[in-house]
């Protein structure tokens, strides 16, 4: 029995490389936004960074990961002066 088949029988599936890449990209962007928001006292950047770092734990679909990530990044950019 293959490892993937054994995991599948248990109801566990491994993430795709595209999902892992998105997780890494949005996690790094979130960490940078969090640090920037803390240093400049900008709550939108701070909480947007926290959201970017944590939302992948709630999203299991790759396409949804990228849509939500781009949306949060856009919100941080558009509301950066607040």
C-alpha atoms as a PDB file:
ATOM      1  CA  UNK A   1       0.000   0.000   0.000  1.00  0.00           C
ATOM      2  CA  UNK A   2       1.305   3.445  -0.969  1.00  0.00           C
ATOM      3  CA  UNK A   3       1.701   6.149   1.700  1.00  0.00           C
ATOM      4  CA  UNK A   4      -0.764   8.461  -0.046  1.00  0.00           C
ATOM      5  CA  UNK A   5      -3.315   5.658  -0.255  1.00  0.00           C
ATOM      6  CA  UNK A   6      -2.864   4.879   3.437  1.00  0.00           C
ATOM      7  CA  UNK A   7      -3.344   8.542   4.360  1.00  0.00           C
ATOM      8  CA  UNK A   8      -6.351   8.749   2.058  1.00  0.00           C
ATOM      9  CA  UNK A   9      -7.905   5.758   3.796  1.00  0.00           C
ATOM     10  CA  UNK A  10      -7.594   7.675   7.070  1.00  0.00           C
ATOM     11  CA  UNK A  11      -9.233  10.756   5.542  1.00  0.00           C
ATOM     12  CA  UNK A  12      -6.000  12.764   5.417  1.00  0.00           C
ATOM     13  CA  UNK A  13      -4.822  14.456   2.231  1.00  0.00           C
ATOM     14  CA  UNK A  14      -1.520  16.210   1.683  1.00  0.00           C
ATOM     15  CA  UNK A  15      -1.526  19.821   0.430  1.00  0.00           C
ATOM     16  CA  UNK A  16      -0.506  20.555  -3.130  1.00  0.00           C
ATOM     17  CA  UNK A  17       2.727  22.412  -3.937  1.00  0.00           C
ATOM     18  CA  UNK A  18       0.656  25.417  -5.074  1.00  0.00           C
ATOM     19  CA  UNK A  19      -1.070  25.518  -1.675  1.00  0.00           C
ATOM     20  CA  UNK A  20       2.260  25.321   0.159  1.00  0.00           C
ATOM     21  CA  UNK A  21       3.693  28.109  -2.015  1.00  0.00           C
ATOM     22  CA  UNK A  22       0.680  30.337  -1.295  1.00  0.00           C
ATOM     23  CA  UNK A  23       0.939  29.559   2.400  1.00  0.00           C
ATOM     24  CA  UNK A  24       4.580  30.607   2.424  1.00  0.00           C
ATOM     25  CA  UNK A  25       4.095  33.721   0.283  1.00  0.00           C
ATOM     26  CA  UNK A  26       1.131  35.086   2.251  1.00  0.00           C
ATOM     27  CA  UNK A  27       2.741  34.149   5.552  1.00  0.00           C
ATOM     28  CA  UNK A  28       5.862  36.170   4.732  1.00  0.00           C
ATOM     29  CA  UNK A  29       3.792  39.107   3.475  1.00  0.00           C
ATOM     30  CA  UNK A  30       1.670  38.902   6.633  1.00  0.00           C
ATOM     31  CA  UNK A  31       4.726  38.903   8.882  1.00  0.00           C
ATOM     32  CA  UNK A  32       6.150  41.930   7.048  1.00  0.00           C
ATOM     33  CA  UNK A  33       2.813  43.775   7.288  1.00  0.00           C
ATOM     34  CA  UNK A  34       2.561  42.943  10.982  1.00  0.00           C
ATOM     35  CA  UNK A  35       6.056  44.260  11.687  1.00  0.00           C
ATOM     36  CA  UNK A  36       5.402  47.401   9.637  1.00  0.00           C
ATOM     37  CA  UNK A  37       2.077  48.003  11.376  1.00  0.00           C
ATOM     38  CA  UNK A  38       3.613  47.609  14.841  1.00  0.00           C
ATOM     39  CA  UNK A  39       6.518  49.967  14.108  1.00  0.00           C
ATOM     40  CA  UNK A  40       4.349  52.645  12.520  1.00  0.00           C
ATOM     41  CA  UNK A  41       1.317  52.221  14.824  1.00  0.00           C
ATOM     42  CA  UNK A  42      -1.048  51.383  11.973  1.00  0.00           C
ATOM     43  CA  UNK A  43      -3.753  48.978  13.115  1.00  0.00           C
ATOM     44  CA  UNK A  44      -4.924  48.067   9.598  1.00  0.00           C
ATOM     45  CA  UNK A  45      -1.466  46.805   8.669  1.00  0.00           C
ATOM     46  CA  UNK A  46      -1.027  45.074  12.027  1.00  0.00           C
ATOM     47  CA  UNK A  47      -4.329  43.189  11.973  1.00  0.00           C
ATOM     48  CA  UNK A  48      -4.108  42.563   8.241  1.00  0.00           C
ATOM     49  CA  UNK A  49      -0.732  40.953   8.811  1.00  0.00           C
ATOM     50  CA  UNK A  50      -2.164  38.787  11.573  1.00  0.00           C
ATOM     51  CA  UNK A  51      -5.014  37.785   9.260  1.00  0.00           C
ATOM     52  CA  UNK A  52      -2.582  36.872   6.477  1.00  0.00           C
ATOM     53  CA  UNK A  53      -0.572  34.701   8.826  1.00  0.00           C
ATOM     54  CA  UNK A  54      -3.566  32.877  10.324  1.00  0.00           C
ATOM     55  CA  UNK A  55      -6.232  32.465   7.638  1.00  0.00           C
ATOM     56  CA  UNK A  56      -4.516  29.546   5.826  1.00  0.00           C
ATOM     57  CA  UNK A  57      -5.401  27.388   8.833  1.00  0.00           C
ATOM     58  CA  UNK A  58      -9.077  27.965   8.053  1.00  0.00           C
ATOM     59  CA  UNK A  59      -8.951  27.580   4.255  1.00  0.00           C
ATOM     60  CA  UNK A  60      -8.445  24.176   2.650  1.00  0.00           C
ATOM     61  CA  UNK A  61      -8.922  24.978  -1.044  1.00  0.00           C
ATOM     62  CA  UNK A  62      -6.000  26.372  -3.032  1.00  0.00           C
ATOM     63  CA  UNK A  63      -8.062  28.761  -5.143  1.00  0.00           C
ATOM     64  CA  UNK A  64      -9.722  30.174  -2.025  1.00  0.00           C
ATOM     65  CA  UNK A  65      -6.317  30.608  -0.362  1.00  0.00           C
ATOM     66  CA  UNK A  66      -5.147  32.840  -3.218  1.00  0.00           C
ATOM     67  CA  UNK A  67      -8.389  34.838  -3.500  1.00  0.00           C
ATOM     68  CA  UNK A  68      -8.561  35.609   0.227  1.00  0.00           C
ATOM     69  CA  UNK A  69      -4.816  36.357   0.358  1.00  0.00           C
ATOM     70  CA  UNK A  70      -4.950  38.798  -2.536  1.00  0.00           C
ATOM     71  CA  UNK A  71      -8.059  40.406  -1.018  1.00  0.00           C
ATOM     72  CA  UNK A  72      -6.421  40.953   2.367  1.00  0.00           C
ATOM     73  CA  UNK A  73      -3.250  42.272   0.700  1.00  0.00           C
ATOM     74  CA  UNK A  74      -5.378  44.693  -1.331  1.00  0.00           C
ATOM     75  CA  UNK A  75      -7.177  45.838   1.823  1.00  0.00           C
ATOM     76  CA  UNK A  76      -3.871  46.478   3.577  1.00  0.00           C
ATOM     77  CA  UNK A  77      -2.661  48.470   0.575  1.00  0.00           C
ATOM     78  CA  UNK A  78      -5.869  50.463   0.073  1.00  0.00           C
ATOM     79  CA  UNK A  79      -6.287  51.347   3.758  1.00  0.00           C
ATOM     80  CA  UNK A  80      -2.588  51.827   4.544  1.00  0.00           C
ATOM     81  CA  UNK A  81      -3.032  55.427   5.717  1.00  0.00           C
ATOM     82  CA  UNK A  82      -5.324  54.453   8.608  1.00  0.00           C
END
